[in-house]
Amino acid sequence: MAHRALRIIAATALAGSVLTACTTEPASTGGPGGAGKGPSDGKLVMGFAQVGAESGWRTANTKSVREAAEKAGVTLKFSDAQQKQENQIKAIRTFIQQKVDVIAFSPVVESGWDTVLKEAKNAGIPVILTDRAVDSQDTSLYRTFLGSDFVKEGQEAGKWLVKEYEGTSEPVNIVELQGTTGSAPANDRKAGFADAVKGDPKFKVVDSQTGDFTRAKGKEVMQAFLKSHKDIDVLYAHNDDMALGAIQAIEEAGKKPGTDIKVISVDGIKDAFVAMQEKKINVVVECNPLLGDQLMELAKKVAAGESVPRRVEVKEGVFTQDQAAAALPGRQY
């Protein structure tokens, strides 16, 4: 809990066969080079260990990384961890054996990375964290973090709720669909939201369970919430896919999402904007998955030994129903 508290404070202040469970792309015919030296064909080689394909957001994130690598002339060795930490650790160790120039990954969970990251450090291979952070006390194990401020996202969700119920003293019963247990976005979006609503006792989170960032699990858990709690005023979902699954459960229960139960979500995928336009989601806090170009730029710098910021954040916004129609055509994911 102390580590999490420290992260919240800091974020606020800053505002091969071994991969049988994964899919890995081969390196170019030039072969991988030693750490920081580059392959013989002059291309930088990046090993990228992705969480999986659990949501529309993640699919867009993967597409952005692949396209940016091709555009930047970076040879990408890609691994899909299928939401399992052990698969990511195996992938990172394989990247080390293959002597890639840079390793980038989006950690499935926050803890348990020190050993494998020390192996990368000892091999002289710089590591970039993308989208999600780790809770290691040794910050020398990675060069930079590229992604969102999840605490701020949770706070923005909570701020909208506080404003929405401004002037009323009636109790507001909230159910929360958390992301993958132990992941940075789940931990931080929960903490940020709680921080934003804690000043008003009318807001009460009556139930909070993981929906694992998937639409199917979001629906399943929401069905359980509806059976256990007769009076639910608000659903706060840590991502759009869980929110969309929950909306199905709400409708099947004979209730009207967005009206009978207000829906707050995070991410900003097209399907969520469609749901906002249909008045089924009330507000979406954006989390931008299009990190590819920034990642390739950072990778080239760290491989060359250049200094980079310890944290690089992406620009994001908050969207409500009255903004959905205008914003929808421009959504890229």
C-alpha atoms as a PDB file:
ATOM      1  CA  MET A   1       0.000   0.000   0.000  1.00  0.00           C
ATOM      2  CA  ALA A   2       2.902   2.358   0.759  1.00  0.00           C
ATOM      3  CA  HIS A   3       4.351   1.892  -2.704  1.00  0.00           C
ATOM      4  CA  ARG A   4       0.984   2.619  -4.272  1.00  0.00           C
ATOM      5  CA  ALA A   5       0.566   5.731  -2.194  1.00  0.00           C
ATOM      6  CA  LEU A   6       3.968   6.961  -3.282  1.00  0.00           C
ATOM      7  CA  ARG A   7       3.037   6.405  -6.926  1.00  0.00           C
ATOM      8  CA  ILE A   8      -0.165   8.355  -6.500  1.00  0.00           C
ATOM      9  CA  ILE A   9       1.655  11.277  -4.916  1.00  0.00           C
ATOM     10  CA  ALA A  10       4.327  11.280  -7.593  1.00  0.00           C
ATOM     11  CA  ALA A  11       1.800  11.056 -10.411  1.00  0.00           C
ATOM     12  CA  THR A  12      -0.190  13.900  -8.991  1.00  0.00           C
ATOM     13  CA  ALA A  13       2.922  16.027  -8.701  1.00  0.00           C
ATOM     14  CA  LEU A  14       3.885  15.370 -12.289  1.00  0.00           C
ATOM     15  CA  ALA A  15       0.081  15.955 -13.058  1.00  0.00           C
ATOM     16  CA  GLY A  16      11.815 -19.116 -30.269  1.00  0.00           C
ATOM     17  CA  SER A  17      10.421 -22.455 -28.809  1.00  0.00           C
ATOM     18  CA  VAL A  18      10.542 -20.849 -25.490  1.00  0.00           C
ATOM     19  CA  LEU A  19       7.637 -18.756 -26.720  1.00  0.00           C
ATOM     20  CA  THR A  20       5.228 -21.556 -27.540  1.00  0.00           C
ATOM     21  CA  ALA A  21       2.486 -19.628 -25.770  1.00  0.00           C
ATOM     22  CA  CYS A  22       3.300 -16.470 -27.717  1.00  0.00           C
ATOM     23  CA  THR A  23       3.719 -15.313 -31.280  1.00  0.00           C
ATOM     24  CA  THR A  24       7.133 -13.963 -32.206  1.00  0.00           C
ATOM     25  CA  GLU A  25       8.292 -12.447 -35.464  1.00  0.00           C
ATOM     26  CA  PRO A  26      11.765 -13.334 -36.771  1.00  0.00           C
ATOM     27  CA  ALA A  27      14.532 -10.770 -36.982  1.00  0.00           C
ATOM     28  CA  SER A  28      15.697  -9.481 -40.337  1.00  0.00           C
ATOM     29  CA  THR A  29      18.202 -11.508 -42.331  1.00  0.00           C
ATOM     30  CA  GLY A  30      20.932  -9.178 -41.153  1.00  0.00           C
ATOM     31  CA  GLY A  31      20.666 -10.782 -37.731  1.00  0.00           C
ATOM     32  CA  PRO A  32      20.509  -9.093 -34.366  1.00  0.00           C
ATOM     33  CA  GLY A  33      23.408  -7.086 -33.144  1.00  0.00           C
ATOM     34  CA  GLY A  34      24.859  -6.751 -29.666  1.00  0.00           C
ATOM     35  CA  ALA A  35      23.188  -4.473 -27.192  1.00  0.00           C
ATOM     36  CA  GLY A  36      23.407  -0.884 -28.366  1.00  0.00           C
ATOM     37  CA  LYS A  37      25.412  -1.787 -31.484  1.00  0.00           C
ATOM     38  CA  GLY A  38      22.646  -2.506 -33.958  1.00  0.00           C
ATOM     39  CA  PRO A  39      22.460  -5.362 -36.509  1.00  0.00           C
ATOM     40  CA  SER A  40      24.746  -5.721 -39.474  1.00  0.00           C
ATOM     41  CA  ASP A  41      22.157  -4.215 -41.849  1.00  0.00           C
ATOM     42  CA  GLY A  42      22.133  -1.022 -39.784  1.00  0.00           C
ATOM     43  CA  LYS A  43      18.596  -1.436 -38.483  1.00  0.00           C
ATOM     44  CA  LEU A  44      17.777  -1.081 -34.833  1.00  0.00           C
ATOM     45  CA  VAL A  45      16.225  -4.267 -33.423  1.00  0.00           C
ATOM     46  CA  MET A  46      13.487  -3.923 -30.827  1.00  0.00           C
ATOM     47  CA  GLY A  47      12.001  -6.730 -28.784  1.00  0.00           C
ATOM     48  CA  PHE A  48       8.417  -5.796 -27.865  1.00  0.00           C
ATOM     49  CA  ALA A  49       6.474  -7.891 -25.327  1.00  0.00           C
ATOM     50  CA  GLN A  50       2.794  -6.965 -25.560  1.00  0.00           C
ATOM     51  CA  VAL A  51       0.209  -7.763 -22.876  1.00  0.00           C
ATOM     52  CA  GLY A  52      -2.156  -9.481 -25.300  1.00  0.00           C
ATOM     53  CA  ALA A  53      -5.233  -8.580 -27.320  1.00  0.00           C
ATOM     54  CA  GLU A  54      -7.797  -8.244 -24.550  1.00  0.00           C
ATOM     55  CA  SER A  55      -9.497  -5.098 -25.837  1.00  0.00           C
ATOM     56  CA  GLY A  56     -10.015  -2.757 -28.746  1.00  0.00           C
ATOM     57  CA  TRP A  57      -7.577  -0.377 -27.072  1.00  0.00           C
ATOM     58  CA  ARG A  58      -4.838  -3.010 -27.011  1.00  0.00           C
ATOM     59  CA  THR A  59      -5.428  -3.936 -30.654  1.00  0.00           C
ATOM     60  CA  ALA A  60      -4.997  -0.283 -31.613  1.00  0.00           C
ATOM     61  CA  ASN A  61      -1.863  -0.051 -29.469  1.00  0.00           C
ATOM     62  CA  THR A  62      -0.298  -3.065 -31.201  1.00  0.00           C
ATOM     63  CA  LYS A  63      -1.189  -1.711 -34.642  1.00  0.00           C
ATOM     64  CA  SER A  64       0.413   1.630 -33.768  1.00  0.00           C
ATOM     65  CA  VAL A  65       3.663  -0.034 -32.649  1.00  0.00           C
ATOM     66  CA  ARG A  66       3.871  -2.296 -35.723  1.00  0.00           C
ATOM     67  CA  GLU A  67       3.196   0.520 -38.182  1.00  0.00           C
ATOM     68  CA  ALA A  68       5.579   2.924 -36.456  1.00  0.00           C
ATOM     69  CA  ALA A  69       8.383   0.346 -36.455  1.00  0.00           C
ATOM     70  CA  GLU A  70       8.017  -0.232 -40.177  1.00  0.00           C
ATOM     71  CA  LYS A  71       7.942   3.500 -40.875  1.00  0.00           C
ATOM     72  CA  ALA A  72      10.997   4.130 -38.686  1.00  0.00           C
ATOM     73  CA  GLY A  73      13.029   1.274 -40.185  1.00  0.00           C
ATOM     74  CA  VAL A  74      13.094  -0.641 -36.893  1.00  0.00           C
ATOM     75  CA  THR A  75      13.166  -4.438 -36.965  1.00  0.00           C
ATOM     76  CA  LEU A  76      10.409  -5.496 -34.572  1.00  0.00           C
ATOM     77  CA  LYS A  77      10.470  -8.809 -32.731  1.00  0.00           C
ATOM     78  CA  PHE A  78       6.936  -9.022 -31.350  1.00  0.00           C
ATOM     79  CA  SER A  79       5.552 -11.265 -28.604  1.00  0.00           C
ATOM     80  CA  ASP A  80       1.940 -11.596 -27.456  1.00  0.00           C
ATOM     81  CA  ALA A  81       1.886 -12.622 -23.774  1.00  0.00           C
ATOM     82  CA  GLN A  82      -1.819 -13.519 -23.788  1.00  0.00           C
ATOM     83  CA  GLN A  83      -2.175 -11.634 -20.489  1.00  0.00           C
ATOM     84  CA  LYS A  84       0.274 -13.917 -18.657  1.00  0.00           C
ATOM     85  CA  GLN A  85       3.298 -12.517 -16.863  1.00  0.00           C
ATOM     86  CA  GLU A  86       5.274 -15.731 -17.281  1.00  0.00           C
ATOM     87  CA  ASN A  87       4.960 -15.388 -21.062  1.00  0.00           C
ATOM     88  CA  GLN A  88       6.319 -11.854 -20.957  1.00  0.00           C
ATOM     89  CA  ILE A  89       9.258 -12.906 -18.810  1.00  0.00           C
ATOM     90  CA  LYS A  90      10.062 -15.721 -21.264  1.00  0.00           C
ATOM     91  CA  ALA A  91       9.826 -13.268 -24.156  1.00  0.00           C
ATOM     92  CA  ILE A  92      12.165 -10.767 -22.497  1.00  0.00           C
ATOM     93  CA  ARG A  93      14.711 -13.508 -21.781  1.00  0.00           C
ATOM     94  CA  THR A  94      14.546 -14.600 -25.404  1.00  0.00           C
ATOM     95  CA  PHE A  95      15.114 -11.002 -26.536  1.00  0.00           C
ATOM     96  CA  ILE A  96      18.178 -10.880 -24.260  1.00  0.00           C
ATOM     97  CA  GLN A  97      19.523 -14.113 -25.770  1.00  0.00           C
ATOM     98  CA  GLN A  98      18.966 -12.704 -29.240  1.00  0.00           C
ATOM     99  CA  LYS A  99      20.890  -9.541 -28.266  1.00  0.00           C
ATOM    100  CA  VAL A 100      18.296  -7.049 -29.420  1.00  0.00           C
ATOM    101  CA  ASP A 101      19.171  -3.364 -29.169  1.00  0.00           C
ATOM    102  CA  VAL A 102      16.170  -2.268 -27.089  1.00  0.00           C
ATOM    103  CA  ILE A 103      13.439  -4.054 -25.147  1.00  0.00           C
ATOM    104  CA  ALA A 104      10.029  -2.443 -24.727  1.00  0.00           C
ATOM    105  CA  PHE A 105       7.062  -3.959 -22.957  1.00  0.00           C
ATOM    106  CA  SER A 106       3.728  -3.202 -21.370  1.00  0.00           C
ATOM    107  CA  PRO A 107       3.751  -5.123 -18.065  1.00  0.00           C
ATOM    108  CA  VAL A 108       0.792  -7.428 -17.397  1.00  0.00           C
ATOM    109  CA  VAL A 109       1.073  -6.596 -13.680  1.00  0.00           C
ATOM    110  CA  GLU A 110       3.221  -4.154 -11.712  1.00  0.00           C
ATOM    111  CA  SER A 111       5.278  -6.465  -9.511  1.00  0.00           C
ATOM    112  CA  GLY A 112       7.728  -9.313 -10.079  1.00  0.00           C
ATOM    113  CA  TRP A 113      10.004  -7.822 -12.752  1.00  0.00           C
ATOM    114  CA  ASP A 114      13.269  -7.109 -10.946  1.00  0.00           C
ATOM    115  CA  THR A 115      15.036 -10.380 -11.782  1.00  0.00           C
ATOM    116  CA  VAL A 116      14.458 -10.345 -15.529  1.00  0.00           C
ATOM    117  CA  LEU A 117      15.066  -6.595 -15.808  1.00  0.00           C
ATOM    118  CA  LYS A 118      18.386  -7.027 -13.999  1.00  0.00           C
ATOM    119  CA  GLU A 119      19.271  -9.643 -16.623  1.00  0.00           C
ATOM    120  CA  ALA A 120      18.559  -7.109 -19.360  1.00  0.00           C
ATOM    121  CA  LYS A 121      20.585  -4.448 -17.550  1.00  0.00           C
ATOM    122  CA  ASN A 122      23.533  -6.838 -17.114  1.00  0.00           C
ATOM    123  CA  ALA A 123      23.360  -7.580 -20.838  1.00  0.00           C
ATOM    124  CA  GLY A 124      23.558  -3.849 -21.582  1.00  0.00           C
ATOM    125  CA  ILE A 125      20.103  -3.727 -23.199  1.00  0.00           C
ATOM    126  CA  PRO A 126      18.016  -0.646 -22.329  1.00  0.00           C
ATOM    127  CA  VAL A 127      14.372  -1.182 -21.394  1.00  0.00           C
ATOM    128  CA  ILE A 128      11.417   1.096 -22.115  1.00  0.00           C
ATOM    129  CA  LEU A 129       8.126   0.664 -20.252  1.00  0.00           C
ATOM    130  CA  THR A 130       5.094   1.399 -22.405  1.00  0.00           C
ATOM    131  CA  ASP A 131       1.540   2.079 -21.249  1.00  0.00           C
ATOM    132  CA  ARG A 132       1.959   0.388 -17.854  1.00  0.00           C
ATOM    133  CA  ALA A 133       4.510   0.889 -15.084  1.00  0.00           C
ATOM    134  CA  VAL A 134       6.311  -1.444 -12.672  1.00  0.00           C
ATOM    135  CA  ASP A 135       6.639  -0.974  -8.905  1.00  0.00           C
ATOM    136  CA  SER A 136      10.350  -1.752  -8.670  1.00  0.00           C
ATOM    137  CA  GLN A 137      12.354   0.366  -6.237  1.00  0.00           C
ATOM    138  CA  ASP A 138      15.346   0.150  -8.597  1.00  0.00           C
ATOM    139  CA  THR A 139      14.526   2.694 -11.270  1.00  0.00           C
ATOM    140  CA  SER A 140      17.820   2.013 -13.022  1.00  0.00           C
ATOM    141  CA  LEU A 141      16.254  -1.163 -14.440  1.00  0.00           C
ATOM    142  CA  TYR A 142      14.451   0.842 -17.122  1.00  0.00           C
ATOM    143  CA  ARG A 143      15.314   4.025 -18.998  1.00  0.00           C
ATOM    144  CA  THR A 144      11.901   5.644 -19.366  1.00  0.00           C
ATOM    145  CA  PHE A 145       8.152   5.180 -19.166  1.00  0.00           C
ATOM    146  CA  LEU A 146       5.927   6.112 -22.109  1.00  0.00           C
ATOM    147  CA  GLY A 147       2.205   6.246 -21.516  1.00  0.00           C
ATOM    148  CA  SER A 148      -0.666   7.717 -19.566  1.00  0.00           C
ATOM    149  CA  ASP A 149      -1.183   8.982 -16.055  1.00  0.00           C
ATOM    150  CA  PHE A 150      -3.669   6.376 -14.824  1.00  0.00           C
ATOM    151  CA  VAL A 151      -4.152   8.097 -11.473  1.00  0.00           C
ATOM    152  CA  LYS A 152      -5.167  11.270 -13.289  1.00  0.00           C
ATOM    153  CA  GLU A 153      -7.583   9.271 -15.454  1.00  0.00           C
ATOM    154  CA  GLY A 154      -9.285   7.920 -12.341  1.00  0.00           C
ATOM    155  CA  GLN A 155      -9.395  11.400 -10.866  1.00  0.00           C
ATOM    156  CA  GLU A 156     -11.005  12.800 -14.017  1.00  0.00           C
ATOM    157  CA  ALA A 157     -13.687  10.096 -13.836  1.00  0.00           C
ATOM    158  CA  GLY A 158     -14.352  10.970 -10.212  1.00  0.00           C
ATOM    159  CA  LYS A 159     -14.417  14.713 -10.878  1.00  0.00           C
ATOM    160  CA  TRP A 160     -17.115  14.235 -13.511  1.00  0.00           C
ATOM    161  CA  LEU A 161     -19.198  12.243 -11.042  1.00  0.00           C
ATOM    162  CA  VAL A 162     -18.833  14.851  -8.306  1.00  0.00           C
ATOM    163  CA  LYS A 163     -19.973  17.572 -10.694  1.00  0.00           C
ATOM    164  CA  GLU A 164     -22.837  15.435 -12.020  1.00  0.00           C
ATOM    165  CA  TYR A 165     -24.296  15.029  -8.518  1.00  0.00           C
ATOM    166  CA  GLU A 166     -23.463  18.508  -7.320  1.00  0.00           C
ATOM    167  CA  GLY A 167     -26.232  19.968  -5.172  1.00  0.00           C
ATOM    168  CA  THR A 168     -27.789  16.670  -4.104  1.00  0.00           C
ATOM    169  CA  SER A 169     -27.360  14.938  -0.758  1.00  0.00           C
ATOM    170  CA  GLU A 170     -29.002  11.642  -1.753  1.00  0.00           C
ATOM    171  CA  PRO A 171     -26.752   8.544  -1.520  1.00  0.00           C
ATOM    172  CA  VAL A 172     -24.995   7.554  -4.749  1.00  0.00           C
ATOM    173  CA  ASN A 173     -24.287   3.823  -4.960  1.00  0.00           C
ATOM    174  CA  ILE A 174     -21.390   2.961  -7.255  1.00  0.00           C
ATOM    175  CA  VAL A 175     -20.193  -0.383  -8.620  1.00  0.00           C
ATOM    176  CA  GLU A 176     -16.680  -0.621 -10.041  1.00  0.00           C
ATOM    177  CA  LEU A 177     -15.376  -2.895 -12.768  1.00  0.00           C
ATOM    178  CA  GLN A 178     -11.631  -3.095 -12.159  1.00  0.00           C
ATOM    179  CA  GLY A 179      -9.020  -4.006 -14.713  1.00  0.00           C
ATOM    180  CA  THR A 180      -6.645  -6.963 -14.422  1.00  0.00           C
ATOM    181  CA  THR A 181      -5.770  -7.515 -10.767  1.00  0.00           C
ATOM    182  CA  GLY A 182      -2.327  -6.137  -9.951  1.00  0.00           C
ATOM    183  CA  SER A 183      -1.974  -4.121 -13.164  1.00  0.00           C
ATOM    184  CA  ALA A 184      -0.954  -0.474 -13.042  1.00  0.00           C
ATOM    185  CA  PRO A 185      -4.105   0.876 -14.728  1.00  0.00           C
ATOM    186  CA  ALA A 186      -6.353  -1.103 -12.384  1.00  0.00           C
ATOM    187  CA  ASN A 187      -4.481   0.001  -9.271  1.00  0.00           C
ATOM    188  CA  ASP A 188      -4.142   3.632 -10.284  1.00  0.00           C
ATOM    189  CA  ARG A 189      -7.561   4.214 -11.859  1.00  0.00           C
ATOM    190  CA  LYS A 190      -9.141   2.817  -8.705  1.00  0.00           C
ATOM    191  CA  ALA A 191      -6.985   4.995  -6.452  1.00  0.00           C
ATOM    192  CA  GLY A 192      -7.483   8.159  -8.519  1.00  0.00           C
ATOM    193  CA  PHE A 193     -11.255   7.739  -8.565  1.00  0.00           C
ATOM    194  CA  ALA A 194     -11.392   7.095  -4.820  1.00  0.00           C
ATOM    195  CA  ASP A 195      -9.287  10.203  -4.226  1.00  0.00           C
ATOM    196  CA  ALA A 196     -11.676  12.368  -6.259  1.00  0.00           C
ATOM    197  CA  VAL A 197     -14.881  11.278  -4.477  1.00  0.00           C
ATOM    198  CA  LYS A 198     -13.595  10.780  -0.930  1.00  0.00           C
ATOM    199  CA  GLY A 199     -14.554  14.297   0.151  1.00  0.00           C
ATOM    200  CA  ASP A 200     -18.288  13.641  -0.190  1.00  0.00           C
ATOM    201  CA  PRO A 201     -19.829  10.876   1.965  1.00  0.00           C
ATOM    202  CA  LYS A 202     -22.816  10.426  -0.356  1.00  0.00           C
ATOM    203  CA  PHE A 203     -20.598   8.552  -2.804  1.00  0.00           C
ATOM    204  CA  LYS A 204     -20.290   4.890  -1.826  1.00  0.00           C
ATOM    205  CA  VAL A 205     -18.608   2.118  -3.805  1.00  0.00           C
ATOM    206  CA  VAL A 206     -20.878  -0.781  -2.866  1.00  0.00           C
ATOM    207  CA  ASP A 207     -19.003  -3.396  -4.899  1.00  0.00           C
ATOM    208  CA  SER A 208     -15.728  -3.577  -6.806  1.00  0.00           C
ATOM    209  CA  GLN A 209     -14.484  -6.603  -8.763  1.00  0.00           C
ATOM    210  CA  THR A 210     -12.155  -7.310 -11.643  1.00  0.00           C
ATOM    211  CA  GLY A 211     -13.552  -7.685 -15.139  1.00  0.00           C
ATOM    212  CA  ASP A 212     -10.060  -8.385 -16.500  1.00  0.00           C
ATOM    213  CA  PHE A 213     -10.401  -5.618 -19.114  1.00  0.00           C
ATOM    214  CA  THR A 214     -12.592  -7.858 -21.329  1.00  0.00           C
ATOM    215  CA  ARG A 215     -16.115  -7.356 -22.631  1.00  0.00           C
ATOM    216  CA  ALA A 216     -17.254 -10.872 -21.710  1.00  0.00           C
ATOM    217  CA  LYS A 217     -16.021 -10.628 -18.129  1.00  0.00           C
ATOM    218  CA  GLY A 218     -17.440  -7.125 -17.799  1.00  0.00           C
ATOM    219  CA  LYS A 219     -20.881  -8.469 -18.664  1.00  0.00           C
ATOM    220  CA  GLU A 220     -20.500 -11.432 -16.315  1.00  0.00           C
ATOM    221  CA  VAL A 221     -19.471  -9.325 -13.323  1.00  0.00           C
ATOM    222  CA  MET A 222     -22.157  -6.710 -13.990  1.00  0.00           C
ATOM    223  CA  GLN A 223     -24.771  -9.458 -14.003  1.00  0.00           C
ATOM    224  CA  ALA A 224     -23.547 -10.468 -10.552  1.00  0.00           C
ATOM    225  CA  PHE A 225     -23.637  -6.840  -9.370  1.00  0.00           C
ATOM    226  CA  LEU A 226     -27.244  -6.476 -10.513  1.00  0.00           C
ATOM    227  CA  LYS A 227     -28.266  -9.620  -8.647  1.00  0.00           C
ATOM    228  CA  SER A 228     -26.517  -8.561  -5.442  1.00  0.00           C
ATOM    229  CA  HIS A 229     -27.482  -4.873  -5.390  1.00  0.00           C
ATOM    230  CA  LYS A 230     -30.989  -3.620  -6.103  1.00  0.00           C
ATOM    231  CA  ASP A 231     -30.066   0.059  -6.060  1.00  0.00           C
ATOM    232  CA  ILE A 232     -27.104   0.852  -8.336  1.00  0.00           C
ATOM    233  CA  ASP A 233     -26.784   4.460  -9.463  1.00  0.00           C
ATOM    234  CA  VAL A 234     -23.412   4.473 -11.203  1.00  0.00           C
ATOM    235  CA  LEU A 235     -21.067   2.058 -12.959  1.00  0.00           C
ATOM    236  CA  TYR A 236     -17.385   3.020 -13.092  1.00  0.00           C
ATOM    237  CA  ALA A 237     -15.490   0.775 -15.537  1.00  0.00           C
ATOM    238  CA  HIS A 238     -11.714   0.841 -15.862  1.00  0.00           C
ATOM    239  CA  ASN A 239     -12.000   0.392 -19.634  1.00  0.00           C
ATOM    240  CA  ASP A 240     -14.532   0.643 -22.453  1.00  0.00           C
ATOM    241  CA  ASP A 241     -14.714  -3.061 -23.266  1.00  0.00           C
ATOM    242  CA  MET A 242     -15.849  -3.915 -19.738  1.00  0.00           C
ATOM    243  CA  ALA A 243     -18.314  -1.013 -19.854  1.00  0.00           C
ATOM    244  CA  LEU A 244     -19.784  -2.252 -23.128  1.00  0.00           C
ATOM    245  CA  GLY A 245     -20.177  -5.753 -21.737  1.00  0.00           C
ATOM    246  CA  ALA A 246     -21.810  -4.318 -18.623  1.00  0.00           C
ATOM    247  CA  ILE A 247     -24.231  -2.324 -20.774  1.00  0.00           C
ATOM    248  CA  GLN A 248     -25.478  -5.588 -22.271  1.00  0.00           C
ATOM    249  CA  ALA A 249     -26.111  -6.934 -18.774  1.00  0.00           C
ATOM    250  CA  ILE A 250     -27.916  -3.738 -17.729  1.00  0.00           C
ATOM    251  CA  GLU A 251     -30.190  -3.876 -20.771  1.00  0.00           C
ATOM    252  CA  GLU A 252     -30.919  -7.567 -20.287  1.00  0.00           C
ATOM    253  CA  ALA A 253     -31.947  -6.750 -16.717  1.00  0.00           C
ATOM    254  CA  GLY A 254     -34.556  -4.355 -18.073  1.00  0.00           C
ATOM    255  CA  LYS A 255     -32.718  -1.176 -17.099  1.00  0.00           C
ATOM    256  CA  LYS A 256     -31.569   1.730 -19.231  1.00  0.00           C
ATOM    257  CA  PRO A 257     -27.790   2.328 -19.254  1.00  0.00           C
ATOM    258  CA  GLY A 258     -26.867   5.982 -19.108  1.00  0.00           C
ATOM    259  CA  THR A 259     -30.143   6.847 -17.423  1.00  0.00           C
ATOM    260  CA  ASP A 260     -31.123   4.282 -14.780  1.00  0.00           C
ATOM    261  CA  ILE A 261     -27.456   3.537 -14.201  1.00  0.00           C
ATOM    262  CA  LYS A 262     -24.959   6.193 -15.229  1.00  0.00           C
ATOM    263  CA  VAL A 263     -21.875   4.747 -16.938  1.00  0.00           C
ATOM    264  CA  ILE A 264     -18.344   6.142 -16.608  1.00  0.00           C
ATOM    265  CA  SER A 265     -15.581   4.519 -18.650  1.00  0.00           C
ATOM    266  CA  VAL A 266     -11.924   4.912 -19.601  1.00  0.00           C
ATOM    267  CA  ASP A 267     -10.121   4.480 -22.961  1.00  0.00           C
ATOM    268  CA  GLY A 268     -11.994   6.152 -25.799  1.00  0.00           C
ATOM    269  CA  ILE A 269     -12.460   3.454 -28.445  1.00  0.00           C
ATOM    270  CA  LYS A 270     -14.931   4.014 -31.284  1.00  0.00           C
ATOM    271  CA  ASP A 271     -17.507   1.619 -29.849  1.00  0.00           C
ATOM    272  CA  ALA A 272     -17.597   3.676 -26.661  1.00  0.00           C
ATOM    273  CA  PHE A 273     -18.209   6.873 -28.627  1.00  0.00           C
ATOM    274  CA  VAL A 274     -21.057   5.138 -30.449  1.00  0.00           C
ATOM    275  CA  ALA A 275     -22.486   4.128 -27.065  1.00  0.00           C
ATOM    276  CA  MET A 276     -22.172   7.734 -25.870  1.00  0.00           C
ATOM    277  CA  GLN A 277     -23.969   8.929 -28.971  1.00  0.00           C
ATOM    278  CA  GLU A 278     -26.731   6.443 -28.123  1.00  0.00           C
ATOM    279  CA  LYS A 279     -26.808   7.863 -24.555  1.00  0.00           C
ATOM    280  CA  LYS A 280     -25.689   4.543 -23.045  1.00  0.00           C
ATOM    281  CA  ILE A 281     -22.342   5.832 -21.720  1.00  0.00           C
ATOM    282  CA  ASN A 282     -22.296   9.194 -19.970  1.00  0.00           C
ATOM    283  CA  VAL A 283     -18.594  10.038 -20.055  1.00  0.00           C
ATOM    284  CA  VAL A 284     -15.344   8.562 -21.339  1.00  0.00           C
ATOM    285  CA  VAL A 285     -11.911   9.510 -20.030  1.00  0.00           C
ATOM    286  CA  GLU A 286      -9.471   9.111 -22.891  1.00  0.00           C
ATOM    287  CA  CYS A 287      -6.400   6.861 -22.722  1.00  0.00           C
ATOM    288  CA  ASN A 288      -4.433   7.208 -25.954  1.00  0.00           C
ATOM    289  CA  PRO A 289      -3.035   3.911 -27.351  1.00  0.00           C
ATOM    290  CA  LEU A 290      -1.236   5.462 -30.321  1.00  0.00           C
ATOM    291  CA  LEU A 291       2.232   5.384 -28.807  1.00  0.00           C
ATOM    292  CA  GLY A 292       4.150   3.870 -31.709  1.00  0.00           C
ATOM    293  CA  ASP A 293       5.875   6.928 -33.153  1.00  0.00           C
ATOM    294  CA  GLN A 294       6.978   8.196 -29.741  1.00  0.00           C
ATOM    295  CA  LEU A 295       8.216   4.723 -28.811  1.00  0.00           C
ATOM    296  CA  MET A 296      10.410   4.429 -31.907  1.00  0.00           C
ATOM    297  CA  GLU A 297      11.863   7.888 -31.292  1.00  0.00           C
ATOM    298  CA  LEU A 298      12.701   6.994 -27.693  1.00  0.00           C
ATOM    299  CA  ALA A 299      14.121   3.612 -28.713  1.00  0.00           C
ATOM    300  CA  LYS A 300      16.579   5.183 -31.140  1.00  0.00           C
ATOM    301  CA  LYS A 301      17.707   7.669 -28.510  1.00  0.00           C
ATOM    302  CA  VAL A 302      18.267   5.149 -25.711  1.00  0.00           C
ATOM    303  CA  ALA A 303      20.034   2.737 -28.073  1.00  0.00           C
ATOM    304  CA  ALA A 304      22.390   5.570 -29.012  1.00  0.00           C
ATOM    305  CA  GLY A 305      23.023   6.331 -25.350  1.00  0.00           C
ATOM    306  CA  GLU A 306      21.233   9.673 -25.425  1.00  0.00           C
ATOM    307  CA  SER A 307      19.427  11.022 -22.377  1.00  0.00           C
ATOM    308  CA  VAL A 308      15.624  10.879 -22.364  1.00  0.00           C
ATOM    309  CA  PRO A 309      12.991  12.030 -19.858  1.00  0.00           C
ATOM    310  CA  ARG A 310      12.151   9.500 -17.144  1.00  0.00           C
ATOM    311  CA  ARG A 311       8.473   9.858 -17.987  1.00  0.00           C
ATOM    312  CA  VAL A 312       6.812  10.763 -21.286  1.00  0.00           C
ATOM    313  CA  GLU A 313       3.050  11.249 -21.222  1.00  0.00           C
ATOM    314  CA  VAL A 314       0.555  11.368 -24.081  1.00  0.00           C
ATOM    315  CA  LYS A 315      -2.106  14.010 -24.617  1.00  0.00           C
ATOM    316  CA  GLU A 316      -5.605  12.927 -23.609  1.00  0.00           C
ATOM    317  CA  GLY A 317      -9.061  14.386 -22.975  1.00  0.00           C
ATOM    318  CA  VAL A 318     -12.454  13.794 -21.357  1.00  0.00           C
ATOM    319  CA  PHE A 319     -15.533  13.334 -23.561  1.00  0.00           C
ATOM    320  CA  THR A 320     -19.225  13.547 -22.690  1.00  0.00           C
ATOM    321  CA  GLN A 321     -22.394  12.650 -24.603  1.00  0.00           C
ATOM    322  CA  ASP A 322     -22.758  16.090 -26.142  1.00  0.00           C
ATOM    323  CA  GLN A 323     -19.250  15.805 -27.628  1.00  0.00           C
ATOM    324  CA  ALA A 324     -19.531  12.241 -28.933  1.00  0.00           C
ATOM    325  CA  ALA A 325     -21.105  12.897 -32.333  1.00  0.00           C
ATOM    326  CA  ALA A 326     -18.537  15.529 -33.309  1.00  0.00           C
ATOM    327  CA  ALA A 327     -15.571  13.502 -32.047  1.00  0.00           C
ATOM    328  CA  LEU A 328     -16.588  10.084 -33.429  1.00  0.00           C
ATOM    329  CA  PRO A 329     -15.525  10.563 -37.092  1.00  0.00           C
ATOM    330  CA  GLY A 330     -11.996  11.450 -35.998  1.00  0.00           C
ATOM    331  CA  ARG A 331     -11.435   8.464 -33.728  1.00  0.00           C
ATOM    332  CA  GLN A 332      -8.535   6.352 -35.005  1.00  0.00           C
ATOM    333  CA  TYR A 333      -9.206   3.329 -32.795  1.00  0.00           C
END
